[in-house]
């Protein structure tokens, strides 16, 4: 991979890391590292961080075109940024402000930006799978050349939509890249204790869906595997499966101390930090550490501006509570 390409991937990972760090601090009322202190928690509701998993969305989305789409999970900030969404409306959404992507109504778990092909984060485990398959079927019917990448966690493979979605995509030869972002934990339980058999890729292969496994902390490995699989999809070979093995370095939600996790296990995982691994690669390209530090500082400055914008943005009007809802026709919601 060229130095310029690797630098671009590093920049996106740095933006995701900075955003997650700031969101975590904002959920407790302090963002001193970004030049200000909010004084009170500004991020309300559940906050599921993707810190340490940056290489997966970045490596995959770098191979997607502007007209392609993705579906995400409850841990969707990284996917959203990697697909090209703006940081300011993202942070505004977390703050519950009217200028957020969803008018402040969706919060962290339901961010969507159709303008960049981000069809939505989702609070229901595995729910992004049928949405992605439905979108892919629409592409097939309309003759679109677009493809869709469907991100989900390892816990999702034990839920019904996984079998239903993969089966439908296979029998209809749909343009879907299924991406299992395997972070080793399903909420607060080790996935090994909950998943029978050899794992995610074997289940996909049992349905006739080919795929690859890769080191989900190595952005080059993810990038190359995704490029291979997306190439097959674009050639009309049907759905493909990427099993990217990474690690969730934070708790299930921002207030979860993850006391159920072995400290030695976490220490070993931190040695494989995606940004640190990417830094090591730059020595072969002769890129100075100062250049990488500049990229990180630039990403943090972008996030600092997003924080300021979110803190200053207005809350939604009360009347907004009666929009974007399902009308049952009986008026009970009034």
C-alpha atoms as a PDB file:
ATOM      1  CA  UNK A   1       0.000   0.000   0.000  1.00  0.00           C
ATOM      2  CA  UNK A   2       1.294   3.461  -0.858  1.00  0.00           C
ATOM      3  CA  UNK A   3       2.244   5.853   1.899  1.00  0.00           C
ATOM      4  CA  UNK A   4      -0.479   8.306   0.821  1.00  0.00           C
ATOM      5  CA  UNK A   5      -3.135   5.607   0.987  1.00  0.00           C
ATOM      6  CA  UNK A   6      -2.011   4.469   4.417  1.00  0.00           C
ATOM      7  CA  UNK A   7      -1.926   8.062   5.661  1.00  0.00           C
ATOM      8  CA  UNK A   8      -5.512   8.535   4.491  1.00  0.00           C
ATOM      9  CA  UNK A   9      -6.624   5.436   6.397  1.00  0.00           C
ATOM     10  CA  UNK A  10      -4.710   6.588   9.478  1.00  0.00           C
ATOM     11  CA  UNK A  11      -6.404   9.988   9.331  1.00  0.00           C
ATOM     12  CA  UNK A  12      -9.871   8.434   9.314  1.00  0.00           C
ATOM     13  CA  UNK A  13      -8.966   6.131  12.210  1.00  0.00           C
ATOM     14  CA  UNK A  14      -7.635   9.145  14.133  1.00  0.00           C
ATOM     15  CA  UNK A  15     -10.918  11.005  13.550  1.00  0.00           C
ATOM     16  CA  UNK A  16     -12.915   8.050  14.878  1.00  0.00           C
ATOM     17  CA  UNK A  17     -10.669   7.694  17.943  1.00  0.00           C
ATOM     18  CA  UNK A  18     -10.885  11.417  18.710  1.00  0.00           C
ATOM     19  CA  UNK A  19     -14.660  11.410  18.319  1.00  0.00           C
ATOM     20  CA  UNK A  20     -15.111   8.409  20.603  1.00  0.00           C
ATOM     21  CA  UNK A  21     -12.804   9.857  23.262  1.00  0.00           C
ATOM     22  CA  UNK A  22     -14.661  13.170  23.204  1.00  0.00           C
ATOM     23  CA  UNK A  23     -18.086  11.515  23.278  1.00  0.00           C
ATOM     24  CA  UNK A  24     -17.030   9.418  26.254  1.00  0.00           C
ATOM     25  CA  UNK A  25     -15.827  12.507  28.121  1.00  0.00           C
ATOM     26  CA  UNK A  26     -18.927  14.489  27.180  1.00  0.00           C
ATOM     27  CA  UNK A  27     -21.146  11.761  28.619  1.00  0.00           C
ATOM     28  CA  UNK A  28     -19.626  12.528  32.030  1.00  0.00           C
ATOM     29  CA  UNK A  29     -19.481  16.312  31.620  1.00  0.00           C
ATOM     30  CA  UNK A  30     -15.780  16.812  30.981  1.00  0.00           C
ATOM     31  CA  UNK A  31     -13.811  17.234  27.763  1.00  0.00           C
ATOM     32  CA  UNK A  32     -10.676  18.907  29.091  1.00  0.00           C
ATOM     33  CA  UNK A  33      -8.490  17.150  26.524  1.00  0.00           C
ATOM     34  CA  UNK A  34     -10.360  19.064  23.821  1.00  0.00           C
ATOM     35  CA  UNK A  35      -9.937  22.490  25.355  1.00  0.00           C
ATOM     36  CA  UNK A  36     -13.169  22.948  27.266  1.00  0.00           C
ATOM     37  CA  UNK A  37     -15.226  21.589  30.138  1.00  0.00           C
ATOM     38  CA  UNK A  38     -18.938  21.140  29.630  1.00  0.00           C
ATOM     39  CA  UNK A  39     -19.709  21.055  33.341  1.00  0.00           C
ATOM     40  CA  UNK A  40     -22.513  18.524  33.007  1.00  0.00           C
ATOM     41  CA  UNK A  41     -23.163  15.443  30.953  1.00  0.00           C
ATOM     42  CA  UNK A  42     -24.255  16.421  27.461  1.00  0.00           C
ATOM     43  CA  UNK A  43     -24.591  12.973  25.901  1.00  0.00           C
ATOM     44  CA  UNK A  44     -27.773  11.402  27.191  1.00  0.00           C
ATOM     45  CA  UNK A  45     -28.813   7.783  26.942  1.00  0.00           C
ATOM     46  CA  UNK A  46     -26.716   4.728  26.092  1.00  0.00           C
ATOM     47  CA  UNK A  47     -23.314   5.365  24.528  1.00  0.00           C
ATOM     48  CA  UNK A  48     -21.667   2.336  22.916  1.00  0.00           C
ATOM     49  CA  UNK A  49     -18.060   3.124  21.987  1.00  0.00           C
ATOM     50  CA  UNK A  50     -16.058   1.551  19.164  1.00  0.00           C
ATOM     51  CA  UNK A  51     -12.678   2.564  20.583  1.00  0.00           C
ATOM     52  CA  UNK A  52     -10.046   0.067  19.436  1.00  0.00           C
ATOM     53  CA  UNK A  53     -12.151  -1.205  16.513  1.00  0.00           C
ATOM     54  CA  UNK A  54     -11.333   1.622  14.098  1.00  0.00           C
ATOM     55  CA  UNK A  55      -9.526  -0.508  11.506  1.00  0.00           C
ATOM     56  CA  UNK A  56     -12.651  -2.461  10.536  1.00  0.00           C
ATOM     57  CA  UNK A  57     -14.934   0.349   9.306  1.00  0.00           C
ATOM     58  CA  UNK A  58     -12.025   2.286   7.832  1.00  0.00           C
ATOM     59  CA  UNK A  59     -10.602  -0.661   5.910  1.00  0.00           C
ATOM     60  CA  UNK A  60     -14.019  -1.619   4.532  1.00  0.00           C
ATOM     61  CA  UNK A  61     -15.429   1.816   3.722  1.00  0.00           C
ATOM     62  CA  UNK A  62     -12.232   2.894   1.938  1.00  0.00           C
ATOM     63  CA  UNK A  63     -13.287   0.425  -0.767  1.00  0.00           C
ATOM     64  CA  UNK A  64     -16.849   1.737  -1.108  1.00  0.00           C
ATOM     65  CA  UNK A  65     -18.001   4.323  -3.635  1.00  0.00           C
ATOM     66  CA  UNK A  66     -20.083   7.366  -2.735  1.00  0.00           C
ATOM     67  CA  UNK A  67     -23.188   5.665  -4.126  1.00  0.00           C
ATOM     68  CA  UNK A  68     -22.686   2.507  -2.068  1.00  0.00           C
ATOM     69  CA  UNK A  69     -24.327   2.128   1.328  1.00  0.00           C
ATOM     70  CA  UNK A  70     -23.801   0.627   4.773  1.00  0.00           C
ATOM     71  CA  UNK A  71     -25.911  -0.480   7.702  1.00  0.00           C
ATOM     72  CA  UNK A  72     -24.549  -0.343  11.222  1.00  0.00           C
ATOM     73  CA  UNK A  73     -25.076  -1.462  14.810  1.00  0.00           C
ATOM     74  CA  UNK A  74     -25.661   0.128  18.198  1.00  0.00           C
ATOM     75  CA  UNK A  75     -21.867   0.720  18.158  1.00  0.00           C
ATOM     76  CA  UNK A  76     -22.000   2.777  14.984  1.00  0.00           C
ATOM     77  CA  UNK A  77     -19.972   5.982  15.340  1.00  0.00           C
ATOM     78  CA  UNK A  78     -16.940   4.543  13.555  1.00  0.00           C
ATOM     79  CA  UNK A  79     -18.984   3.209  10.648  1.00  0.00           C
ATOM     80  CA  UNK A  80     -20.711   6.566  10.213  1.00  0.00           C
ATOM     81  CA  UNK A  81     -17.466   8.540  10.154  1.00  0.00           C
ATOM     82  CA  UNK A  82     -15.738   6.047   7.882  1.00  0.00           C
ATOM     83  CA  UNK A  83     -18.569   6.385   5.343  1.00  0.00           C
ATOM     84  CA  UNK A  84     -17.991  10.130   5.205  1.00  0.00           C
ATOM     85  CA  UNK A  85     -20.511  11.689   7.571  1.00  0.00           C
ATOM     86  CA  UNK A  86     -19.779  15.104   9.053  1.00  0.00           C
ATOM     87  CA  UNK A  87     -18.646  15.256  12.672  1.00  0.00           C
ATOM     88  CA  UNK A  88     -20.702  18.290  13.721  1.00  0.00           C
ATOM     89  CA  UNK A  89     -24.215  16.915  13.074  1.00  0.00           C
ATOM     90  CA  UNK A  90     -23.039  13.617  14.569  1.00  0.00           C
ATOM     91  CA  UNK A  91     -22.038  15.285  17.818  1.00  0.00           C
ATOM     92  CA  UNK A  92     -25.202  17.402  17.759  1.00  0.00           C
ATOM     93  CA  UNK A  93     -27.235  14.205  17.531  1.00  0.00           C
ATOM     94  CA  UNK A  94     -25.449  12.764  20.555  1.00  0.00           C
ATOM     95  CA  UNK A  95     -26.200  15.999  22.415  1.00  0.00           C
ATOM     96  CA  UNK A  96     -29.893  15.738  21.482  1.00  0.00           C
ATOM     97  CA  UNK A  97     -29.837  18.973  19.484  1.00  0.00           C
ATOM     98  CA  UNK A  98     -32.112  20.021  16.634  1.00  0.00           C
ATOM     99  CA  UNK A  99     -29.166  20.266  14.230  1.00  0.00           C
ATOM    100  CA  UNK A 100     -28.281  16.590  14.631  1.00  0.00           C
ATOM    101  CA  UNK A 101     -28.662  14.138  11.767  1.00  0.00           C
ATOM    102  CA  UNK A 102     -31.966  12.962  13.232  1.00  0.00           C
ATOM    103  CA  UNK A 103     -33.066  16.224  14.786  1.00  0.00           C
ATOM    104  CA  UNK A 104     -31.805  15.139  18.182  1.00  0.00           C
ATOM    105  CA  UNK A 105     -34.289  12.275  18.383  1.00  0.00           C
ATOM    106  CA  UNK A 106     -32.098   9.318  17.489  1.00  0.00           C
ATOM    107  CA  UNK A 107     -29.108   9.765  19.736  1.00  0.00           C
ATOM    108  CA  UNK A 108     -26.043   7.577  19.534  1.00  0.00           C
ATOM    109  CA  UNK A 109     -27.781   4.328  18.596  1.00  0.00           C
ATOM    110  CA  UNK A 110     -29.851   5.631  15.682  1.00  0.00           C
ATOM    111  CA  UNK A 111     -27.607   7.959  13.714  1.00  0.00           C
ATOM    112  CA  UNK A 112     -28.270   7.907   9.973  1.00  0.00           C
ATOM    113  CA  UNK A 113     -27.069  10.000   7.058  1.00  0.00           C
ATOM    114  CA  UNK A 114     -28.609   8.914   3.775  1.00  0.00           C
ATOM    115  CA  UNK A 115     -26.624  11.581   1.893  1.00  0.00           C
ATOM    116  CA  UNK A 116     -23.456   9.501   2.323  1.00  0.00           C
ATOM    117  CA  UNK A 117     -25.178   6.110   2.156  1.00  0.00           C
ATOM    118  CA  UNK A 118     -25.251   5.513   5.912  1.00  0.00           C
ATOM    119  CA  UNK A 119     -28.657   3.842   6.284  1.00  0.00           C
ATOM    120  CA  UNK A 120     -28.593   3.863  10.052  1.00  0.00           C
ATOM    121  CA  UNK A 121     -27.220   2.609  13.306  1.00  0.00           C
ATOM    122  CA  UNK A 122     -29.631   0.306  15.115  1.00  0.00           C
ATOM    123  CA  UNK A 123     -30.332  -0.473  18.743  1.00  0.00           C
ATOM    124  CA  UNK A 124     -31.601  -3.975  17.935  1.00  0.00           C
ATOM    125  CA  UNK A 125     -28.885  -6.609  17.615  1.00  0.00           C
ATOM    126  CA  UNK A 126     -28.760  -8.025  14.055  1.00  0.00           C
ATOM    127  CA  UNK A 127     -31.487  -5.658  12.810  1.00  0.00           C
ATOM    128  CA  UNK A 128     -29.139  -4.086  10.274  1.00  0.00           C
ATOM    129  CA  UNK A 129     -28.890  -7.392   8.416  1.00  0.00           C
ATOM    130  CA  UNK A 130     -32.428  -7.501   6.954  1.00  0.00           C
ATOM    131  CA  UNK A 131     -32.236  -3.759   6.234  1.00  0.00           C
ATOM    132  CA  UNK A 132     -29.050  -4.296   4.221  1.00  0.00           C
ATOM    133  CA  UNK A 133     -30.511  -7.278   2.400  1.00  0.00           C
ATOM    134  CA  UNK A 134     -33.650  -5.304   1.601  1.00  0.00           C
ATOM    135  CA  UNK A 135     -31.578  -2.431   0.215  1.00  0.00           C
ATOM    136  CA  UNK A 136     -29.518  -4.864  -1.858  1.00  0.00           C
ATOM    137  CA  UNK A 137     -32.674  -6.431  -3.256  1.00  0.00           C
ATOM    138  CA  UNK A 138     -33.873  -2.962  -4.216  1.00  0.00           C
ATOM    139  CA  UNK A 139     -30.583  -2.423  -6.058  1.00  0.00           C
ATOM    140  CA  UNK A 140     -31.157  -5.663  -7.941  1.00  0.00           C
ATOM    141  CA  UNK A 141     -34.733  -4.752  -8.918  1.00  0.00           C
ATOM    142  CA  UNK A 142     -33.834  -1.223 -10.071  1.00  0.00           C
ATOM    143  CA  UNK A 143     -30.684  -2.268 -11.898  1.00  0.00           C
ATOM    144  CA  UNK A 144     -28.400  -0.222  -9.659  1.00  0.00           C
ATOM    145  CA  UNK A 145     -24.688  -1.061  -9.603  1.00  0.00           C
ATOM    146  CA  UNK A 146     -24.408  -0.114  -5.937  1.00  0.00           C
ATOM    147  CA  UNK A 147     -23.333  -2.532  -3.223  1.00  0.00           C
ATOM    148  CA  UNK A 148     -23.968  -2.459   0.512  1.00  0.00           C
ATOM    149  CA  UNK A 149     -21.713  -3.354   3.433  1.00  0.00           C
ATOM    150  CA  UNK A 150     -23.578  -4.703   6.442  1.00  0.00           C
ATOM    151  CA  UNK A 151     -21.723  -4.360   9.764  1.00  0.00           C
ATOM    152  CA  UNK A 152     -22.750  -6.460  12.763  1.00  0.00           C
ATOM    153  CA  UNK A 153     -21.129  -7.882  15.862  1.00  0.00           C
ATOM    154  CA  UNK A 154     -20.309 -11.467  16.770  1.00  0.00           C
ATOM    155  CA  UNK A 155     -23.351 -11.599  19.054  1.00  0.00           C
ATOM    156  CA  UNK A 156     -25.603 -11.059  16.032  1.00  0.00           C
ATOM    157  CA  UNK A 157     -24.746 -14.434  14.505  1.00  0.00           C
ATOM    158  CA  UNK A 158     -26.801 -16.136  17.217  1.00  0.00           C
ATOM    159  CA  UNK A 159     -29.970 -14.272  16.264  1.00  0.00           C
ATOM    160  CA  UNK A 160     -32.591 -15.177  13.678  1.00  0.00           C
ATOM    161  CA  UNK A 161     -32.024 -12.268  11.255  1.00  0.00           C
ATOM    162  CA  UNK A 162     -28.511 -13.597  10.595  1.00  0.00           C
ATOM    163  CA  UNK A 163     -29.760 -16.862   9.080  1.00  0.00           C
ATOM    164  CA  UNK A 164     -32.717 -15.243   7.346  1.00  0.00           C
ATOM    165  CA  UNK A 165     -30.696 -12.394   5.888  1.00  0.00           C
ATOM    166  CA  UNK A 166     -27.761 -14.457   4.641  1.00  0.00           C
ATOM    167  CA  UNK A 167     -30.072 -17.078   3.181  1.00  0.00           C
ATOM    168  CA  UNK A 168     -32.119 -14.478   1.263  1.00  0.00           C
ATOM    169  CA  UNK A 169     -28.995 -12.730  -0.011  1.00  0.00           C
ATOM    170  CA  UNK A 170     -27.551 -16.016  -1.246  1.00  0.00           C
ATOM    171  CA  UNK A 171     -30.583 -17.358  -3.051  1.00  0.00           C
ATOM    172  CA  UNK A 172     -31.153 -14.006  -4.793  1.00  0.00           C
ATOM    173  CA  UNK A 173     -27.424 -13.379  -5.479  1.00  0.00           C
ATOM    174  CA  UNK A 174     -27.552  -9.944  -3.833  1.00  0.00           C
ATOM    175  CA  UNK A 175     -24.668  -7.430  -3.700  1.00  0.00           C
ATOM    176  CA  UNK A 176     -24.030  -7.536   0.059  1.00  0.00           C
ATOM    177  CA  UNK A 177     -20.746  -7.634   1.938  1.00  0.00           C
ATOM    178  CA  UNK A 178     -21.541  -9.054   5.367  1.00  0.00           C
ATOM    179  CA  UNK A 179     -18.962  -7.785   7.857  1.00  0.00           C
ATOM    180  CA  UNK A 180     -18.799  -9.523  11.234  1.00  0.00           C
ATOM    181  CA  UNK A 181     -16.941  -7.105  13.483  1.00  0.00           C
ATOM    182  CA  UNK A 182     -15.934  -9.701  16.043  1.00  0.00           C
ATOM    183  CA  UNK A 183     -14.897  -7.849  19.203  1.00  0.00           C
ATOM    184  CA  UNK A 184     -14.957 -11.011  21.367  1.00  0.00           C
ATOM    185  CA  UNK A 185     -17.819  -9.906  23.628  1.00  0.00           C
ATOM    186  CA  UNK A 186     -21.593 -10.080  23.398  1.00  0.00           C
ATOM    187  CA  UNK A 187     -22.648  -7.330  25.799  1.00  0.00           C
ATOM    188  CA  UNK A 188     -21.022  -8.495  29.036  1.00  0.00           C
ATOM    189  CA  UNK A 189     -20.326 -12.134  28.184  1.00  0.00           C
ATOM    190  CA  UNK A 190     -17.419 -13.619  26.275  1.00  0.00           C
ATOM    191  CA  UNK A 191     -18.629 -14.734  22.858  1.00  0.00           C
ATOM    192  CA  UNK A 192     -16.800 -18.042  23.226  1.00  0.00           C
ATOM    193  CA  UNK A 193     -19.223 -18.966  26.010  1.00  0.00           C
ATOM    194  CA  UNK A 194     -22.261 -18.233  23.838  1.00  0.00           C
ATOM    195  CA  UNK A 195     -21.450 -19.412  20.311  1.00  0.00           C
ATOM    196  CA  UNK A 196     -21.354 -23.064  19.290  1.00  0.00           C
ATOM    197  CA  UNK A 197     -19.274 -24.404  16.451  1.00  0.00           C
ATOM    198  CA  UNK A 198     -16.285 -22.910  14.640  1.00  0.00           C
ATOM    199  CA  UNK A 199     -17.773 -19.405  14.391  1.00  0.00           C
ATOM    200  CA  UNK A 200     -19.102 -16.728  12.085  1.00  0.00           C
ATOM    201  CA  UNK A 201     -17.344 -17.530   8.811  1.00  0.00           C
ATOM    202  CA  UNK A 202     -18.184 -21.232   9.037  1.00  0.00           C
ATOM    203  CA  UNK A 203     -21.865 -20.383   9.433  1.00  0.00           C
ATOM    204  CA  UNK A 204     -21.764 -18.193   6.326  1.00  0.00           C
ATOM    205  CA  UNK A 205     -19.961 -20.916   4.380  1.00  0.00           C
ATOM    206  CA  UNK A 206     -22.614 -23.438   5.414  1.00  0.00           C
ATOM    207  CA  UNK A 207     -25.055 -21.354   3.354  1.00  0.00           C
ATOM    208  CA  UNK A 208     -22.710 -21.279   0.400  1.00  0.00           C
ATOM    209  CA  UNK A 209     -21.454 -17.746   1.050  1.00  0.00           C
ATOM    210  CA  UNK A 210     -17.705 -17.472   0.543  1.00  0.00           C
ATOM    211  CA  UNK A 211     -15.570 -15.201   2.652  1.00  0.00           C
ATOM    212  CA  UNK A 212     -12.310 -14.328   4.337  1.00  0.00           C
ATOM    213  CA  UNK A 213     -11.100 -13.914   7.895  1.00  0.00           C
ATOM    214  CA  UNK A 214      -8.611 -11.186   8.777  1.00  0.00           C
ATOM    215  CA  UNK A 215      -6.926  -9.376  11.646  1.00  0.00           C
ATOM    216  CA  UNK A 216      -9.466  -6.673  12.406  1.00  0.00           C
ATOM    217  CA  UNK A 217      -6.832  -4.510  14.121  1.00  0.00           C
ATOM    218  CA  UNK A 218      -4.680  -4.330  10.980  1.00  0.00           C
ATOM    219  CA  UNK A 219      -6.208  -1.695   8.699  1.00  0.00           C
ATOM    220  CA  UNK A 220      -4.197  -2.911   5.697  1.00  0.00           C
ATOM    221  CA  UNK A 221      -5.382  -6.483   6.212  1.00  0.00           C
ATOM    222  CA  UNK A 222      -9.003  -5.345   6.473  1.00  0.00           C
ATOM    223  CA  UNK A 223      -8.621  -3.076   3.448  1.00  0.00           C
ATOM    224  CA  UNK A 224      -7.158  -5.810   1.264  1.00  0.00           C
ATOM    225  CA  UNK A 225      -9.676  -8.453   2.325  1.00  0.00           C
ATOM    226  CA  UNK A 226     -12.584  -6.066   1.749  1.00  0.00           C
ATOM    227  CA  UNK A 227     -11.170  -5.111  -1.667  1.00  0.00           C
ATOM    228  CA  UNK A 228     -11.043  -8.771  -2.689  1.00  0.00           C
ATOM    229  CA  UNK A 229     -14.567  -9.521  -1.492  1.00  0.00           C
ATOM    230  CA  UNK A 230     -16.126  -6.375  -2.940  1.00  0.00           C
ATOM    231  CA  UNK A 231     -14.455  -7.150  -6.239  1.00  0.00           C
ATOM    232  CA  UNK A 232     -16.238 -10.519  -6.284  1.00  0.00           C
ATOM    233  CA  UNK A 233     -19.559  -8.851  -5.497  1.00  0.00           C
ATOM    234  CA  UNK A 234     -19.139  -6.279  -8.272  1.00  0.00           C
ATOM    235  CA  UNK A 235     -18.377  -9.111 -10.704  1.00  0.00           C
ATOM    236  CA  UNK A 236     -21.791 -10.583  -9.919  1.00  0.00           C
ATOM    237  CA  UNK A 237     -20.636 -13.427  -7.673  1.00  0.00           C
ATOM    238  CA  UNK A 238     -23.220 -12.689  -5.002  1.00  0.00           C
ATOM    239  CA  UNK A 239     -22.878 -11.955  -1.283  1.00  0.00           C
ATOM    240  CA  UNK A 240     -19.537 -12.327   0.466  1.00  0.00           C
ATOM    241  CA  UNK A 241     -18.547 -12.519   4.132  1.00  0.00           C
ATOM    242  CA  UNK A 242     -15.730 -10.805   6.033  1.00  0.00           C
ATOM    243  CA  UNK A 243     -14.865 -12.013   9.533  1.00  0.00           C
ATOM    244  CA  UNK A 244     -12.725  -9.260  11.081  1.00  0.00           C
ATOM    245  CA  UNK A 245     -11.405 -10.231  14.500  1.00  0.00           C
ATOM    246  CA  UNK A 246     -10.797  -7.222  16.736  1.00  0.00           C
ATOM    247  CA  UNK A 247     -11.315  -6.370  20.421  1.00  0.00           C
ATOM    248  CA  UNK A 248     -13.636  -4.121  22.422  1.00  0.00           C
ATOM    249  CA  UNK A 249     -11.321  -2.208  24.742  1.00  0.00           C
ATOM    250  CA  UNK A 250     -14.161  -0.328  26.465  1.00  0.00           C
ATOM    251  CA  UNK A 251     -17.128  -1.683  28.388  1.00  0.00           C
ATOM    252  CA  UNK A 252     -20.423  -2.511  26.717  1.00  0.00           C
ATOM    253  CA  UNK A 253     -21.614   1.054  27.365  1.00  0.00           C
ATOM    254  CA  UNK A 254     -19.626   4.084  28.517  1.00  0.00           C
ATOM    255  CA  UNK A 255     -20.604   3.585  32.173  1.00  0.00           C
ATOM    256  CA  UNK A 256     -19.663  -0.109  32.168  1.00  0.00           C
ATOM    257  CA  UNK A 257     -16.274  -0.646  33.927  1.00  0.00           C
ATOM    258  CA  UNK A 258     -16.040  -4.132  32.370  1.00  0.00           C
ATOM    259  CA  UNK A 259     -15.039  -5.730  35.657  1.00  0.00           C
ATOM    260  CA  UNK A 260     -16.015  -9.097  34.170  1.00  0.00           C
ATOM    261  CA  UNK A 261     -12.967  -8.961  31.889  1.00  0.00           C
ATOM    262  CA  UNK A 262      -9.521 -10.299  32.757  1.00  0.00           C
ATOM    263  CA  UNK A 263      -6.963  -7.485  33.066  1.00  0.00           C
ATOM    264  CA  UNK A 264      -4.239  -9.492  31.378  1.00  0.00           C
ATOM    265  CA  UNK A 265      -6.543 -10.121  28.420  1.00  0.00           C
ATOM    266  CA  UNK A 266      -7.149  -6.390  28.072  1.00  0.00           C
ATOM    267  CA  UNK A 267      -3.435  -5.602  28.357  1.00  0.00           C
ATOM    268  CA  UNK A 268      -2.639  -8.037  25.546  1.00  0.00           C
ATOM    269  CA  UNK A 269      -5.364  -6.516  23.407  1.00  0.00           C
ATOM    270  CA  UNK A 270      -4.056  -2.995  23.914  1.00  0.00           C
ATOM    271  CA  UNK A 271      -0.725  -4.104  22.484  1.00  0.00           C
ATOM    272  CA  UNK A 272      -2.573  -4.606  19.179  1.00  0.00           C
ATOM    273  CA  UNK A 273      -4.136  -1.154  19.077  1.00  0.00           C
ATOM    274  CA  UNK A 274      -5.033  -0.358  15.432  1.00  0.00           C
ATOM    275  CA  UNK A 275      -3.548   3.134  15.447  1.00  0.00           C
ATOM    276  CA  UNK A 276      -0.345   1.917  17.094  1.00  0.00           C
ATOM    277  CA  UNK A 277      -0.005  -0.880  14.538  1.00  0.00           C
ATOM    278  CA  UNK A 278      -0.530   1.613  11.710  1.00  0.00           C
ATOM    279  CA  UNK A 279       2.182   3.856  13.169  1.00  0.00           C
ATOM    280  CA  UNK A 280       4.632   0.953  13.043  1.00  0.00           C
ATOM    281  CA  UNK A 281       3.986   0.542   9.315  1.00  0.00           C
ATOM    282  CA  UNK A 282       5.053   4.098   8.581  1.00  0.00           C
ATOM    283  CA  UNK A 283       8.674   3.433   9.457  1.00  0.00           C
ATOM    284  CA  UNK A 284       8.931   1.329   6.287  1.00  0.00           C
ATOM    285  CA  UNK A 285       7.719   4.329   4.277  1.00  0.00           C
ATOM    286  CA  UNK A 286      10.082   6.775   5.964  1.00  0.00           C
ATOM    287  CA  UNK A 287       7.255   8.870   7.391  1.00  0.00           C
ATOM    288  CA  UNK A 288       8.207  10.782  10.528  1.00  0.00           C
ATOM    289  CA  UNK A 289       6.273  10.410  13.762  1.00  0.00           C
ATOM    290  CA  UNK A 290       5.779  14.184  13.725  1.00  0.00           C
ATOM    291  CA  UNK A 291       3.593  13.867  10.620  1.00  0.00           C
ATOM    292  CA  UNK A 292       1.389  11.315  12.381  1.00  0.00           C
ATOM    293  CA  UNK A 293       1.179  13.539  15.439  1.00  0.00           C
ATOM    294  CA  UNK A 294       0.038  16.362  13.148  1.00  0.00           C
ATOM    295  CA  UNK A 295      -2.736  14.163  11.741  1.00  0.00           C
ATOM    296  CA  UNK A 296      -3.906  13.223  15.243  1.00  0.00           C
ATOM    297  CA  UNK A 297      -3.890  16.884  16.301  1.00  0.00           C
ATOM    298  CA  UNK A 298      -5.888  17.828  13.218  1.00  0.00           C
ATOM    299  CA  UNK A 299      -8.475  15.145  14.012  1.00  0.00           C
ATOM    300  CA  UNK A 300      -8.751  16.350  17.600  1.00  0.00           C
ATOM    301  CA  UNK A 301      -9.221  19.936  16.395  1.00  0.00           C
ATOM    302  CA  UNK A 302     -12.086  18.806  14.150  1.00  0.00           C
ATOM    303  CA  UNK A 303     -13.742  17.073  17.076  1.00  0.00           C
ATOM    304  CA  UNK A 304     -13.212  20.089  19.336  1.00  0.00           C
ATOM    305  CA  UNK A 305     -15.086  22.214  16.797  1.00  0.00           C
ATOM    306  CA  UNK A 306     -17.872  19.625  16.671  1.00  0.00           C
ATOM    307  CA  UNK A 307     -18.145  19.795  20.466  1.00  0.00           C
ATOM    308  CA  UNK A 308     -18.424  23.576  20.420  1.00  0.00           C
ATOM    309  CA  UNK A 309     -21.060  23.455  17.713  1.00  0.00           C
ATOM    310  CA  UNK A 310     -23.078  20.828  19.574  1.00  0.00           C
ATOM    311  CA  UNK A 311     -22.926  22.685  22.893  1.00  0.00           C
ATOM    312  CA  UNK A 312     -24.173  25.878  21.219  1.00  0.00           C
ATOM    313  CA  UNK A 313     -26.877  24.267  19.066  1.00  0.00           C
ATOM    314  CA  UNK A 314     -30.573  24.600  20.038  1.00  0.00           C
ATOM    315  CA  UNK A 315     -32.709  21.810  21.390  1.00  0.00           C
ATOM    316  CA  UNK A 316     -35.681  20.697  19.259  1.00  0.00           C
ATOM    317  CA  UNK A 317     -38.979  22.532  19.672  1.00  0.00           C
ATOM    318  CA  UNK A 318     -41.604  20.691  21.649  1.00  0.00           C
ATOM    319  CA  UNK A 319     -43.760  20.311  18.559  1.00  0.00           C
ATOM    320  CA  UNK A 320     -41.048  18.168  16.993  1.00  0.00           C
ATOM    321  CA  UNK A 321     -42.142  15.374  19.333  1.00  0.00           C
ATOM    322  CA  UNK A 322     -45.210  14.916  17.132  1.00  0.00           C
ATOM    323  CA  UNK A 323     -43.328  14.489  13.863  1.00  0.00           C
ATOM    324  CA  UNK A 324     -41.470  11.483  12.458  1.00  0.00           C
ATOM    325  CA  UNK A 325     -43.868   9.079  14.156  1.00  0.00           C
ATOM    326  CA  UNK A 326     -46.176   6.379  12.891  1.00  0.00           C
ATOM    327  CA  UNK A 327     -49.770   7.536  12.476  1.00  0.00           C
ATOM    328  CA  UNK A 328     -52.037   4.712  13.607  1.00  0.00           C
ATOM    329  CA  UNK A 329     -55.088   6.689  12.539  1.00  0.00           C
ATOM    330  CA  UNK A 330     -56.704   6.599  15.970  1.00  0.00           C
ATOM    331  CA  UNK A 331     -54.918   9.558  17.539  1.00  0.00           C
ATOM    332  CA  UNK A 332     -53.926   7.836  20.819  1.00  0.00           C
ATOM    333  CA  UNK A 333     -50.447   9.361  20.642  1.00  0.00           C
ATOM    334  CA  UNK A 334     -51.937  12.859  20.958  1.00  0.00           C
END
